[in-house]
Amino acid sequence: IGRIVDLKTFGKTLFVFAENGVWAISGTQTSPFSAKDYTVSKVSSFGLFSPLSIVELGETPIWWNYEGIYALGKDQTGFESTVTKLSETTIQTFYDKIPASSKTYAKGEFNDQANIVYWLYASEEKSDPFDYDSVLVFDVQTNAFYPLKLSVSNHKITGLIAIRGLEPNESIGTSISEKLFKFITVRRSDNLITFSDMVSDTYLDFSSSGSPEGYE
């Protein structure tokens, strides 16, 4: 095994994500997982380079590699773990054009209410690899990918989260809102850190600064 990037537990199995592949560590047929009794098997040669890119869809992790976007799942029997290349028959040509450095620092987040994954990445090589200007969206329900281009001339986008907030409610005062993606942004003029949303009907961000910017 090469450099280990991440560890994930799904069911009774510990999955080891390394740069040169994915391994599964589990118990044997006669006993559960233990320090003295375990089984190691290699699941795939398609490894993980960016720990920030991996997202968990229930018991299905999805991650970026230099060659494509991969998902860990089960075979038709439901017992053996397999890895599928999600980008191969969908957006492989588009994905191949993303710089390798951008793939290394891609950040992913899953909105489990909307069943949508967002990955932030830079569309070109930059001195600051965390200065993101693009989003690759994956619709889990339809298995469709589509890109978004962000306007970042006045603000730098450095991360994102999927979170619920509080909103006014006439009967109980406040209530929990639907789950939304929020972008962590830094204003370039004074390094003010704030959050931005994609909620405007006119598709404009940062409107509170007096100079709204849009996204495509």
N, C-alpha and C. Protein backbone atom coordinates (compact mmCIF):
# COMPACT_ATOMS: atom_id res chain seq x y z
N ILE A 1 0.86 -1.19 0.00
CA ILE A 1 0.00 0.00 0.00
C ILE A 1 0.89 1.24 0.00
N GLY A 2 0.40 2.30 -0.65
CA GLY A 2 1.14 3.56 -0.68
C GLY A 2 0.72 4.46 0.47
N ARG A 3 0.74 5.77 0.23
CA ARG A 3 0.35 6.72 1.28
C ARG A 3 -1.13 6.61 1.56
N ILE A 4 -1.49 6.40 2.82
CA ILE A 4 -2.90 6.30 3.20
C ILE A 4 -3.48 7.69 3.34
N VAL A 5 -4.61 7.93 2.69
CA VAL A 5 -5.24 9.25 2.65
C VAL A 5 -6.42 9.34 3.60
N ASP A 6 -7.20 8.26 3.72
CA ASP A 6 -8.41 8.33 4.55
C ASP A 6 -8.82 6.93 4.97
N LEU A 7 -9.60 6.86 6.06
CA LEU A 7 -10.18 5.61 6.55
C LEU A 7 -11.67 5.82 6.73
N LYS A 8 -12.48 4.87 6.26
CA LYS A 8 -13.92 4.95 6.41
C LYS A 8 -14.46 3.59 6.84
N THR A 9 -15.45 3.61 7.73
CA THR A 9 -16.09 2.38 8.18
C THR A 9 -17.51 2.33 7.63
N PHE A 10 -17.83 1.24 6.94
CA PHE A 10 -19.18 1.02 6.41
C PHE A 10 -19.59 -0.39 6.79
N GLY A 11 -20.69 -0.47 7.55
CA GLY A 11 -21.11 -1.78 8.03
C GLY A 11 -20.06 -2.35 8.97
N LYS A 12 -19.60 -3.56 8.69
CA LYS A 12 -18.59 -4.23 9.52
C LYS A 12 -17.20 -4.18 8.89
N THR A 13 -17.03 -3.30 7.92
CA THR A 13 -15.77 -3.28 7.17
C THR A 13 -15.09 -1.93 7.30
N LEU A 14 -13.79 -1.94 7.52
CA LEU A 14 -12.96 -0.74 7.50
C LEU A 14 -12.31 -0.63 6.14
N PHE A 15 -12.58 0.49 5.43
CA PHE A 15 -11.98 0.71 4.11
C PHE A 15 -10.81 1.67 4.24
N VAL A 16 -9.71 1.30 3.63
CA VAL A 16 -8.49 2.09 3.66
C VAL A 16 -8.29 2.69 2.27
N PHE A 17 -8.36 4.02 2.19
CA PHE A 17 -8.19 4.73 0.93
C PHE A 17 -6.75 5.24 0.85
N ALA A 18 -6.02 4.74 -0.12
CA ALA A 18 -4.63 5.14 -0.32
C ALA A 18 -4.47 5.71 -1.73
N GLU A 19 -3.31 6.29 -1.99
CA GLU A 19 -3.08 6.88 -3.31
C GLU A 19 -3.04 5.83 -4.42
N ASN A 20 -2.70 4.60 -4.07
CA ASN A 20 -2.59 3.56 -5.10
C ASN A 20 -3.69 2.51 -5.03
N GLY A 21 -4.78 2.80 -4.32
CA GLY A 21 -5.88 1.86 -4.32
C GLY A 21 -6.74 1.92 -3.07
N VAL A 22 -7.70 1.01 -3.01
CA VAL A 22 -8.62 0.91 -1.87
C VAL A 22 -8.57 -0.52 -1.33
N TRP A 23 -8.42 -0.65 -0.01
CA TRP A 23 -8.38 -1.95 0.64
C TRP A 23 -9.52 -2.06 1.64
N ALA A 24 -9.98 -3.30 1.85
CA ALA A 24 -11.04 -3.59 2.83
C ALA A 24 -10.48 -4.49 3.92
N ILE A 25 -10.71 -4.13 5.18
CA ILE A 25 -10.30 -4.94 6.33
C ILE A 25 -11.56 -5.34 7.09
N SER A 26 -11.78 -6.62 7.20
CA SER A 26 -13.01 -7.11 7.85
C SER A 26 -12.70 -8.38 8.62
N GLY A 27 -13.72 -8.93 9.26
CA GLY A 27 -13.56 -10.18 9.98
C GLY A 27 -13.53 -11.36 9.03
N THR A 28 -13.39 -12.54 9.57
CA THR A 28 -13.39 -13.76 8.77
C THR A 28 -14.78 -14.38 8.80
N GLN A 29 -14.93 -15.52 8.14
CA GLN A 29 -16.22 -16.18 8.09
C GLN A 29 -16.63 -16.75 9.45
N THR A 30 -15.66 -16.96 10.31
CA THR A 30 -15.96 -17.60 11.60
C THR A 30 -15.97 -16.63 12.77
N SER A 31 -15.52 -15.38 12.56
CA SER A 31 -15.45 -14.46 13.69
C SER A 31 -15.54 -13.02 13.19
N PRO A 32 -15.94 -12.10 14.07
CA PRO A 32 -15.97 -10.69 13.68
C PRO A 32 -14.56 -10.12 13.62
N PHE A 33 -14.47 -8.88 13.20
CA PHE A 33 -13.19 -8.18 13.09
C PHE A 33 -12.51 -8.14 14.46
N SER A 34 -11.24 -8.51 14.52
CA SER A 34 -10.45 -8.40 15.75
C SER A 34 -8.99 -8.24 15.37
N ALA A 35 -8.17 -7.86 16.34
CA ALA A 35 -6.75 -7.64 16.09
C ALA A 35 -6.04 -8.94 15.71
N LYS A 36 -6.59 -10.08 16.14
CA LYS A 36 -5.96 -11.36 15.86
C LYS A 36 -6.60 -12.13 14.73
N ASP A 37 -7.76 -11.70 14.30
CA ASP A 37 -8.49 -12.47 13.29
C ASP A 37 -9.16 -11.50 12.33
N TYR A 38 -8.59 -11.31 11.17
CA TYR A 38 -9.14 -10.36 10.20
C TYR A 38 -8.73 -10.76 8.79
N THR A 39 -9.42 -10.17 7.82
CA THR A 39 -9.15 -10.43 6.42
C THR A 39 -8.89 -9.11 5.71
N VAL A 40 -7.85 -9.08 4.89
CA VAL A 40 -7.52 -7.90 4.10
C VAL A 40 -7.67 -8.22 2.63
N SER A 41 -8.40 -7.40 1.90
CA SER A 41 -8.57 -7.61 0.46
C SER A 41 -8.47 -6.28 -0.26
N LYS A 42 -7.88 -6.31 -1.44
CA LYS A 42 -7.78 -5.10 -2.26
C LYS A 42 -9.03 -4.98 -3.11
N VAL A 43 -9.70 -3.83 -2.98
CA VAL A 43 -10.96 -3.61 -3.68
C VAL A 43 -10.73 -3.01 -5.06
N SER A 44 -9.77 -2.10 -5.15
CA SER A 44 -9.56 -1.39 -6.42
C SER A 44 -8.16 -0.81 -6.46
N SER A 45 -7.66 -0.58 -7.69
CA SER A 45 -6.38 0.11 -7.90
C SER A 45 -6.57 1.60 -8.10
N PHE A 46 -7.82 2.07 -8.10
CA PHE A 46 -8.10 3.49 -8.27
C PHE A 46 -8.17 4.14 -6.89
N GLY A 47 -7.11 4.86 -6.54
CA GLY A 47 -6.98 5.39 -5.21
C GLY A 47 -7.55 6.77 -5.03
N LEU A 48 -7.18 7.39 -3.92
CA LEU A 48 -7.69 8.70 -3.52
C LEU A 48 -6.50 9.63 -3.28
N PHE A 49 -6.48 10.76 -3.96
CA PHE A 49 -5.42 11.74 -3.78
C PHE A 49 -5.88 12.94 -2.96
N SER A 50 -7.16 13.27 -3.06
CA SER A 50 -7.68 14.43 -2.36
C SER A 50 -8.64 14.00 -1.27
N PRO A 51 -8.22 14.03 0.01
CA PRO A 51 -9.15 13.66 1.09
C PRO A 51 -10.32 14.62 1.20
N LEU A 52 -10.17 15.84 0.69
CA LEU A 52 -11.25 16.82 0.74
C LEU A 52 -12.35 16.50 -0.26
N SER A 53 -12.03 15.72 -1.29
CA SER A 53 -13.01 15.45 -2.34
C SER A 53 -13.97 14.33 -1.98
N ILE A 54 -13.64 13.50 -1.01
CA ILE A 54 -14.48 12.34 -0.71
C ILE A 54 -15.75 12.77 0.03
N VAL A 55 -16.88 12.29 -0.43
CA VAL A 55 -18.16 12.54 0.21
C VAL A 55 -18.85 11.20 0.45
N GLU A 56 -19.68 11.14 1.49
CA GLU A 56 -20.36 9.90 1.85
C GLU A 56 -21.84 10.02 1.57
N LEU A 57 -22.33 9.18 0.67
CA LEU A 57 -23.75 9.10 0.36
C LEU A 57 -24.30 7.87 1.06
N GLY A 58 -24.63 8.02 2.34
CA GLY A 58 -25.02 6.85 3.12
C GLY A 58 -23.80 5.95 3.29
N GLU A 59 -23.85 4.76 2.71
CA GLU A 59 -22.72 3.85 2.75
C GLU A 59 -21.99 3.81 1.40
N THR A 60 -22.11 4.87 0.62
CA THR A 60 -21.45 4.94 -0.68
C THR A 60 -20.53 6.14 -0.72
N PRO A 61 -19.22 5.97 -0.51
CA PRO A 61 -18.29 7.08 -0.66
C PRO A 61 -17.96 7.33 -2.13
N ILE A 62 -17.85 8.61 -2.48
CA ILE A 62 -17.49 9.02 -3.83
C ILE A 62 -16.29 9.96 -3.73
N TRP A 63 -15.33 9.80 -4.62
CA TRP A 63 -14.12 10.62 -4.54
C TRP A 63 -13.55 10.92 -5.92
N TRP A 64 -12.67 11.93 -5.95
CA TRP A 64 -11.96 12.32 -7.17
C TRP A 64 -10.59 11.66 -7.23
N ASN A 65 -10.24 11.23 -8.42
CA ASN A 65 -8.90 10.76 -8.74
C ASN A 65 -8.44 11.57 -9.95
N TYR A 66 -7.18 11.46 -10.32
CA TYR A 66 -6.72 12.16 -11.51
C TYR A 66 -7.43 11.67 -12.76
N GLU A 67 -7.83 10.40 -12.76
CA GLU A 67 -8.43 9.79 -13.95
C GLU A 67 -9.95 9.91 -14.00
N GLY A 68 -10.61 10.18 -12.89
CA GLY A 68 -12.06 10.24 -12.92
C GLY A 68 -12.67 10.35 -11.54
N ILE A 69 -13.99 10.22 -11.49
CA ILE A 69 -14.75 10.25 -10.24
C ILE A 69 -15.25 8.83 -9.97
N TYR A 70 -14.97 8.33 -8.77
CA TYR A 70 -15.22 6.94 -8.47
C TYR A 70 -16.18 6.79 -7.28
N ALA A 71 -16.90 5.66 -7.26
CA ALA A 71 -17.83 5.37 -6.17
C ALA A 71 -17.60 3.95 -5.69
N LEU A 72 -17.65 3.76 -4.37
CA LEU A 72 -17.51 2.44 -3.77
C LEU A 72 -18.90 1.88 -3.49
N GLY A 73 -19.14 0.67 -3.93
CA GLY A 73 -20.44 0.04 -3.72
C GLY A 73 -20.32 -1.46 -3.61
N LYS A 74 -21.44 -2.15 -3.79
CA LYS A 74 -21.49 -3.61 -3.72
C LYS A 74 -21.80 -4.19 -5.09
N ASP A 75 -21.34 -5.42 -5.32
CA ASP A 75 -21.66 -6.09 -6.57
C ASP A 75 -23.09 -6.62 -6.52
N GLN A 76 -23.50 -7.35 -7.54
CA GLN A 76 -24.88 -7.82 -7.64
C GLN A 76 -25.25 -8.80 -6.52
N THR A 77 -24.26 -9.45 -5.95
CA THR A 77 -24.55 -10.38 -4.86
C THR A 77 -24.78 -9.65 -3.54
N GLY A 78 -24.27 -8.41 -3.47
CA GLY A 78 -24.42 -7.63 -2.25
C GLY A 78 -23.36 -7.91 -1.20
N PHE A 79 -22.37 -8.76 -1.55
CA PHE A 79 -21.34 -9.13 -0.57
C PHE A 79 -19.97 -8.53 -0.92
N GLU A 80 -19.60 -8.56 -2.16
CA GLU A 80 -18.28 -8.09 -2.57
C GLU A 80 -18.31 -6.59 -2.86
N SER A 81 -17.29 -5.87 -2.39
CA SER A 81 -17.18 -4.43 -2.64
C SER A 81 -16.56 -4.20 -4.02
N THR A 82 -17.09 -3.22 -4.71
CA THR A 82 -16.59 -2.88 -6.05
C THR A 82 -16.47 -1.37 -6.16
N VAL A 83 -15.67 -0.92 -7.11
CA VAL A 83 -15.50 0.49 -7.39
C VAL A 83 -15.95 0.77 -8.82
N THR A 84 -16.80 1.79 -8.98
CA THR A 84 -17.35 2.17 -10.28
C THR A 84 -16.86 3.56 -10.66
N LYS A 85 -16.51 3.74 -11.92
CA LYS A 85 -16.08 5.05 -12.43
C LYS A 85 -17.30 5.80 -12.93
N LEU A 86 -17.80 6.73 -12.12
CA LEU A 86 -19.04 7.43 -12.45
C LEU A 86 -18.88 8.36 -13.64
N SER A 87 -17.71 8.90 -13.83
CA SER A 87 -17.50 9.90 -14.88
C SER A 87 -17.29 9.28 -16.26
N GLU A 88 -17.07 7.99 -16.33
CA GLU A 88 -16.62 7.37 -17.58
C GLU A 88 -17.62 7.54 -18.72
N THR A 89 -18.90 7.36 -18.45
CA THR A 89 -19.90 7.43 -19.51
C THR A 89 -20.71 8.72 -19.46
N THR A 90 -20.23 9.69 -18.69
CA THR A 90 -21.01 10.93 -18.52
C THR A 90 -20.18 12.16 -18.88
N ILE A 91 -19.21 12.51 -18.02
CA ILE A 91 -18.49 13.78 -18.20
C ILE A 91 -16.98 13.58 -18.30
N GLN A 92 -16.54 12.42 -18.79
CA GLN A 92 -15.11 12.13 -18.77
C GLN A 92 -14.29 13.14 -19.58
N THR A 93 -14.80 13.53 -20.75
CA THR A 93 -14.08 14.51 -21.57
C THR A 93 -13.96 15.84 -20.84
N PHE A 94 -15.03 16.28 -20.20
CA PHE A 94 -15.00 17.51 -19.41
C PHE A 94 -14.04 17.37 -18.23
N TYR A 95 -14.08 16.25 -17.56
CA TYR A 95 -13.25 16.04 -16.37
C TYR A 95 -11.77 16.01 -16.73
N ASP A 96 -11.43 15.43 -17.87
CA ASP A 96 -10.03 15.34 -18.28
C ASP A 96 -9.40 16.72 -18.47
N LYS A 97 -10.21 17.74 -18.74
CA LYS A 97 -9.68 19.09 -18.97
C LYS A 97 -9.42 19.85 -17.68
N ILE A 98 -9.88 19.34 -16.55
CA ILE A 98 -9.61 20.00 -15.27
C ILE A 98 -8.15 19.76 -14.90
N PRO A 99 -7.40 20.81 -14.53
CA PRO A 99 -5.98 20.63 -14.18
C PRO A 99 -5.80 19.64 -13.03
N ALA A 100 -4.67 18.95 -13.07
CA ALA A 100 -4.39 17.94 -12.03
C ALA A 100 -4.33 18.58 -10.65
N SER A 101 -3.75 19.78 -10.55
CA SER A 101 -3.67 20.45 -9.25
C SER A 101 -5.06 20.77 -8.70
N SER A 102 -5.99 21.10 -9.59
CA SER A 102 -7.36 21.40 -9.16
C SER A 102 -8.05 20.14 -8.63
N LYS A 103 -7.75 19.00 -9.23
CA LYS A 103 -8.32 17.75 -8.74
C LYS A 103 -7.77 17.38 -7.37
N THR A 104 -6.52 17.72 -7.13
CA THR A 104 -5.88 17.40 -5.85
C THR A 104 -6.52 18.15 -4.70
N TYR A 105 -6.97 19.40 -4.95
CA TYR A 105 -7.50 20.24 -3.88
C TYR A 105 -9.01 20.43 -3.97
N ALA A 106 -9.71 19.61 -4.76
CA ALA A 106 -11.16 19.72 -4.86
C ALA A 106 -11.81 19.42 -3.51
N LYS A 107 -12.87 20.17 -3.19
CA LYS A 107 -13.61 19.99 -1.94
C LYS A 107 -15.04 19.58 -2.24
N GLY A 108 -15.51 18.53 -1.58
CA GLY A 108 -16.86 18.05 -1.81
C GLY A 108 -17.74 18.16 -0.59
N GLU A 109 -19.06 18.28 -0.82
CA GLU A 109 -20.04 18.34 0.26
C GLU A 109 -21.36 17.75 -0.27
N PHE A 110 -22.05 16.99 0.58
CA PHE A 110 -23.29 16.32 0.18
C PHE A 110 -24.47 16.92 0.93
N ASN A 111 -25.49 17.33 0.18
CA ASN A 111 -26.75 17.78 0.75
C ASN A 111 -27.70 16.59 0.70
N ASP A 112 -27.88 15.93 1.86
CA ASP A 112 -28.66 14.70 1.86
C ASP A 112 -30.16 14.94 1.77
N GLN A 113 -30.61 16.18 1.91
CA GLN A 113 -32.03 16.48 1.71
C GLN A 113 -32.34 16.64 0.23
N ALA A 114 -31.50 17.39 -0.47
CA ALA A 114 -31.70 17.61 -1.90
C ALA A 114 -31.11 16.49 -2.74
N ASN A 115 -30.31 15.58 -2.13
CA ASN A 115 -29.64 14.50 -2.83
C ASN A 115 -28.72 15.05 -3.93
N ILE A 116 -27.93 16.05 -3.56
CA ILE A 116 -27.02 16.70 -4.51
C ILE A 116 -25.64 16.84 -3.87
N VAL A 117 -24.61 16.59 -4.67
CA VAL A 117 -23.23 16.79 -4.25
C VAL A 117 -22.65 18.00 -4.97
N TYR A 118 -21.95 18.85 -4.24
CA TYR A 118 -21.19 19.96 -4.82
C TYR A 118 -19.70 19.67 -4.60
N TRP A 119 -18.91 19.84 -5.67
CA TRP A 119 -17.46 19.84 -5.55
C TRP A 119 -16.93 21.19 -6.01
N LEU A 120 -16.18 21.85 -5.15
CA LEU A 120 -15.50 23.09 -5.52
C LEU A 120 -14.15 22.75 -6.13
N TYR A 121 -13.79 23.49 -7.19
CA TYR A 121 -12.47 23.31 -7.79
C TYR A 121 -12.09 24.56 -8.56
N ALA A 122 -10.81 24.72 -8.86
CA ALA A 122 -10.32 25.84 -9.66
C ALA A 122 -10.27 25.42 -11.12
N SER A 123 -10.79 26.26 -12.00
CA SER A 123 -10.85 25.90 -13.41
C SER A 123 -9.49 25.96 -14.10
N GLU A 124 -8.51 26.60 -13.46
CA GLU A 124 -7.16 26.68 -14.00
C GLU A 124 -6.16 26.65 -12.86
N GLU A 125 -4.92 26.39 -13.17
CA GLU A 125 -3.89 26.33 -12.13
C GLU A 125 -3.67 27.72 -11.53
N LYS A 126 -3.61 27.79 -10.20
CA LYS A 126 -3.46 29.06 -9.50
C LYS A 126 -2.38 28.92 -8.43
N SER A 127 -1.82 30.07 -8.03
CA SER A 127 -0.84 30.06 -6.94
C SER A 127 -1.49 29.64 -5.63
N ASP A 128 -2.76 29.98 -5.45
CA ASP A 128 -3.53 29.54 -4.29
C ASP A 128 -4.52 28.48 -4.75
N PRO A 129 -4.26 27.20 -4.48
CA PRO A 129 -5.15 26.14 -4.98
C PRO A 129 -6.52 26.13 -4.32
N PHE A 130 -6.69 26.90 -3.21
CA PHE A 130 -7.98 26.97 -2.53
C PHE A 130 -8.78 28.20 -2.95
N ASP A 131 -8.38 28.83 -4.03
CA ASP A 131 -9.14 29.95 -4.61
C ASP A 131 -10.05 29.37 -5.68
N TYR A 132 -11.23 28.92 -5.24
CA TYR A 132 -12.13 28.18 -6.13
C TYR A 132 -13.00 29.11 -6.96
N ASP A 133 -13.26 28.72 -8.22
CA ASP A 133 -14.13 29.51 -9.08
C ASP A 133 -15.15 28.66 -9.83
N SER A 134 -15.20 27.37 -9.53
CA SER A 134 -16.10 26.47 -10.26
C SER A 134 -16.70 25.44 -9.32
N VAL A 135 -17.87 24.93 -9.71
CA VAL A 135 -18.55 23.88 -8.97
C VAL A 135 -18.97 22.79 -9.93
N LEU A 136 -18.68 21.55 -9.57
CA LEU A 136 -19.22 20.42 -10.32
C LEU A 136 -20.33 19.81 -9.47
N VAL A 137 -21.52 19.74 -10.04
CA VAL A 137 -22.71 19.26 -9.31
C VAL A 137 -23.03 17.84 -9.76
N PHE A 138 -23.34 16.98 -8.79
CA PHE A 138 -23.77 15.62 -9.09
C PHE A 138 -25.13 15.39 -8.46
N ASP A 139 -26.13 15.12 -9.31
CA ASP A 139 -27.48 14.82 -8.85
C ASP A 139 -27.57 13.32 -8.60
N VAL A 140 -27.66 12.94 -7.34
CA VAL A 140 -27.63 11.53 -6.96
C VAL A 140 -28.83 10.77 -7.52
N GLN A 141 -29.98 11.41 -7.56
CA GLN A 141 -31.21 10.73 -7.99
C GLN A 141 -31.17 10.39 -9.48
N THR A 142 -30.63 11.31 -10.30
CA THR A 142 -30.62 11.09 -11.75
C THR A 142 -29.26 10.67 -12.29
N ASN A 143 -28.23 10.67 -11.42
CA ASN A 143 -26.85 10.37 -11.83
C ASN A 143 -26.34 11.35 -12.89
N ALA A 144 -26.83 12.59 -12.84
CA ALA A 144 -26.44 13.61 -13.82
C ALA A 144 -25.41 14.56 -13.21
N PHE A 145 -24.45 14.97 -14.03
CA PHE A 145 -23.46 15.97 -13.65
C PHE A 145 -23.74 17.26 -14.41
N TYR A 146 -23.47 18.41 -13.77
CA TYR A 146 -23.48 19.67 -14.51
C TYR A 146 -22.58 20.67 -13.79
N PRO A 147 -21.92 21.56 -14.55
CA PRO A 147 -20.98 22.51 -13.95
C PRO A 147 -21.62 23.87 -13.68
N LEU A 148 -21.06 24.58 -12.69
CA LEU A 148 -21.42 25.97 -12.42
C LEU A 148 -20.13 26.78 -12.40
N LYS A 149 -20.19 27.98 -12.97
CA LYS A 149 -19.04 28.89 -12.98
C LYS A 149 -19.35 30.06 -12.06
N LEU A 150 -18.48 30.32 -11.08
CA LEU A 150 -18.70 31.37 -10.11
C LEU A 150 -17.89 32.62 -10.46
N SER A 151 -18.47 33.79 -10.21
CA SER A 151 -17.77 35.05 -10.39
C SER A 151 -17.05 35.39 -9.10
N VAL A 152 -15.73 35.47 -9.14
CA VAL A 152 -14.95 35.62 -7.90
C VAL A 152 -13.95 36.78 -7.99
N SER A 153 -14.30 37.82 -8.73
CA SER A 153 -13.37 38.95 -8.87
C SER A 153 -13.20 39.71 -7.57
N ASN A 154 -14.27 39.89 -6.79
CA ASN A 154 -14.20 40.63 -5.53
C ASN A 154 -14.10 39.73 -4.30
N HIS A 155 -14.45 38.47 -4.46
CA HIS A 155 -14.44 37.54 -3.33
C HIS A 155 -13.72 36.26 -3.72
N LYS A 156 -13.10 35.65 -2.74
CA LYS A 156 -12.45 34.35 -2.93
C LYS A 156 -13.28 33.30 -2.20
N ILE A 157 -13.66 32.25 -2.91
CA ILE A 157 -14.41 31.16 -2.30
C ILE A 157 -13.42 30.10 -1.85
N THR A 158 -13.46 29.75 -0.56
CA THR A 158 -12.47 28.82 -0.01
C THR A 158 -13.07 27.51 0.50
N GLY A 159 -14.38 27.41 0.59
CA GLY A 159 -14.98 26.18 1.07
C GLY A 159 -16.49 26.23 1.03
N LEU A 160 -17.13 25.14 1.44
CA LEU A 160 -18.59 25.10 1.48
C LEU A 160 -19.05 24.08 2.50
N ILE A 161 -20.29 24.26 2.96
CA ILE A 161 -20.93 23.32 3.87
C ILE A 161 -22.39 23.19 3.46
N ALA A 162 -23.02 22.10 3.85
CA ALA A 162 -24.46 21.92 3.69
C ALA A 162 -25.07 21.96 5.08
N ILE A 163 -25.96 22.91 5.32
CA ILE A 163 -26.43 23.16 6.68
C ILE A 163 -27.88 23.66 6.68
N ARG A 164 -28.56 23.42 7.77
CA ARG A 164 -29.89 23.98 7.99
C ARG A 164 -29.78 25.24 8.84
N GLY A 165 -30.67 26.18 8.62
CA GLY A 165 -30.68 27.41 9.38
C GLY A 165 -32.02 27.63 10.06
N LEU A 166 -32.17 28.78 10.72
CA LEU A 166 -33.42 29.17 11.36
C LEU A 166 -34.12 30.22 10.52
N GLU A 167 -35.42 30.13 10.41
CA GLU A 167 -36.20 31.11 9.67
C GLU A 167 -37.46 31.46 10.45
N PRO A 168 -38.00 32.67 10.27
CA PRO A 168 -39.19 33.10 11.03
C PRO A 168 -40.39 32.20 10.77
N ASN A 169 -41.15 31.96 11.82
CA ASN A 169 -42.37 31.17 11.72
C ASN A 169 -43.41 31.83 12.62
N GLU A 170 -44.56 32.19 12.05
CA GLU A 170 -45.56 32.96 12.79
C GLU A 170 -46.12 32.19 13.97
N SER A 171 -46.23 30.89 13.88
CA SER A 171 -46.88 30.12 14.94
C SER A 171 -45.92 29.76 16.08
N ILE A 172 -44.66 29.47 15.76
CA ILE A 172 -43.74 29.02 16.81
C ILE A 172 -42.52 29.94 16.96
N GLY A 173 -42.50 31.03 16.25
CA GLY A 173 -41.38 31.97 16.37
C GLY A 173 -40.30 31.72 15.34
N THR A 174 -39.66 30.55 15.41
CA THR A 174 -38.66 30.16 14.42
C THR A 174 -38.82 28.69 14.09
N SER A 175 -38.32 28.30 12.95
CA SER A 175 -38.34 26.89 12.57
C SER A 175 -37.07 26.59 11.78
N ILE A 176 -36.80 25.31 11.63
CA ILE A 176 -35.61 24.89 10.89
C ILE A 176 -35.89 24.95 9.40
N SER A 177 -34.96 25.56 8.65
CA SER A 177 -35.13 25.71 7.21
C SER A 177 -34.70 24.44 6.49
N GLU A 178 -34.92 24.41 5.20
CA GLU A 178 -34.42 23.31 4.40
C GLU A 178 -32.89 23.39 4.34
N LYS A 179 -32.27 22.28 4.00
CA LYS A 179 -30.81 22.23 3.98
C LYS A 179 -30.29 22.91 2.72
N LEU A 180 -29.31 23.80 2.90
CA LEU A 180 -28.76 24.58 1.79
C LEU A 180 -27.24 24.50 1.79
N PHE A 181 -26.66 24.71 0.62
CA PHE A 181 -25.21 24.87 0.52
C PHE A 181 -24.85 26.32 0.85
N LYS A 182 -23.84 26.49 1.67
CA LYS A 182 -23.30 27.81 1.97
C LYS A 182 -21.82 27.83 1.62
N PHE A 183 -21.41 28.87 0.92
CA PHE A 183 -20.03 29.01 0.50
C PHE A 183 -19.26 29.87 1.51
N ILE A 184 -18.10 29.41 1.90
CA ILE A 184 -17.21 30.21 2.75
C ILE A 184 -16.42 31.14 1.83
N THR A 185 -16.60 32.45 2.02
CA THR A 185 -16.00 33.43 1.11
C THR A 185 -15.13 34.41 1.88
N VAL A 186 -14.12 34.91 1.18
CA VAL A 186 -13.20 35.91 1.73
C VAL A 186 -13.19 37.12 0.80
N ARG A 187 -13.55 38.30 1.32
CA ARG A 187 -13.53 39.50 0.51
C ARG A 187 -12.08 39.91 0.27
N ARG A 188 -11.74 40.09 -0.99
CA ARG A 188 -10.34 40.30 -1.35
C ARG A 188 -9.81 41.64 -0.84
N SER A 189 -10.67 42.63 -0.70
CA SER A 189 -10.22 43.97 -0.32
C SER A 189 -9.73 44.04 1.13
N ASP A 190 -10.35 43.26 2.04
CA ASP A 190 -9.98 43.36 3.46
C ASP A 190 -9.95 42.00 4.17
N ASN A 191 -10.05 40.89 3.41
CA ASN A 191 -9.99 39.53 3.97
C ASN A 191 -11.12 39.24 4.95
N LEU A 192 -12.26 39.94 4.81
CA LEU A 192 -13.43 39.66 5.64
C LEU A 192 -14.00 38.31 5.26
N ILE A 193 -14.18 37.43 6.25
CA ILE A 193 -14.71 36.09 6.02
C ILE A 193 -16.21 36.10 6.26
N THR A 194 -16.96 35.54 5.33
CA THR A 194 -18.41 35.50 5.48
C THR A 194 -18.94 34.28 4.74
N PHE A 195 -20.27 34.15 4.71
CA PHE A 195 -20.92 33.06 4.00
C PHE A 195 -21.77 33.62 2.87
N SER A 196 -21.88 32.87 1.78
CA SER A 196 -22.70 33.28 0.64
C SER A 196 -23.61 32.13 0.24
N ASP A 197 -24.78 32.51 -0.31
CA ASP A 197 -25.78 31.53 -0.72
C ASP A 197 -26.09 31.67 -2.19
N MET A 198 -26.66 30.62 -2.76
CA MET A 198 -27.25 30.68 -4.10
C MET A 198 -28.76 30.65 -3.93
N VAL A 199 -29.34 31.78 -3.52
CA VAL A 199 -30.77 31.81 -3.25
C VAL A 199 -31.49 32.96 -3.95
N SER A 200 -30.76 33.89 -4.55
CA SER A 200 -31.39 35.04 -5.17
C SER A 200 -32.13 34.65 -6.45
N ASP A 201 -33.31 35.24 -6.62
CA ASP A 201 -34.08 34.97 -7.85
C ASP A 201 -33.38 35.50 -9.09
N THR A 202 -32.52 36.49 -8.91
CA THR A 202 -31.78 37.04 -10.05
C THR A 202 -30.40 36.42 -10.16
N TYR A 203 -30.13 35.37 -9.37
CA TYR A 203 -28.87 34.63 -9.44
C TYR A 203 -27.68 35.55 -9.23
N LEU A 204 -27.73 36.35 -8.16
CA LEU A 204 -26.62 37.24 -7.82
C LEU A 204 -26.10 36.90 -6.43
N ASP A 205 -24.79 36.91 -6.28
CA ASP A 205 -24.15 36.67 -5.00
C ASP A 205 -23.55 37.97 -4.46
N PHE A 206 -23.25 37.99 -3.18
CA PHE A 206 -22.53 39.10 -2.55
C PHE A 206 -23.25 40.44 -2.71
N SER A 207 -24.56 40.47 -2.86
CA SER A 207 -25.28 41.73 -3.13
C SER A 207 -25.19 42.70 -1.97
N SER A 208 -24.92 42.21 -0.75
CA SER A 208 -24.84 43.11 0.39
C SER A 208 -23.62 44.01 0.33
N SER A 209 -22.63 43.67 -0.50
CA SER A 209 -21.42 44.48 -0.60
C SER A 209 -21.61 45.70 -1.49
N GLY A 210 -22.74 45.77 -2.19
CA GLY A 210 -22.99 46.91 -3.08
C GLY A 210 -22.60 46.66 -4.51
N SER A 211 -21.88 45.60 -4.76
CA SER A 211 -21.48 45.27 -6.14
C SER A 211 -21.75 43.78 -6.38
N PRO A 212 -23.01 43.44 -6.69
CA PRO A 212 -23.39 42.03 -6.83
C PRO A 212 -22.64 41.34 -7.96
N GLU A 213 -22.36 40.06 -7.75
CA GLU A 213 -21.73 39.23 -8.74
C GLU A 213 -22.62 38.01 -8.99
N GLY A 214 -22.59 37.52 -10.19
CA GLY A 214 -23.45 36.41 -10.54
C GLY A 214 -22.69 35.12 -10.76
N TYR A 215 -23.42 34.04 -11.05
CA TYR A 215 -22.80 32.78 -11.41
C TYR A 215 -23.58 32.22 -12.58
N GLU A 216 -22.95 31.36 -13.35
CA GLU A 216 -23.56 30.80 -14.57
C GLU A 216 -23.91 29.35 -14.34
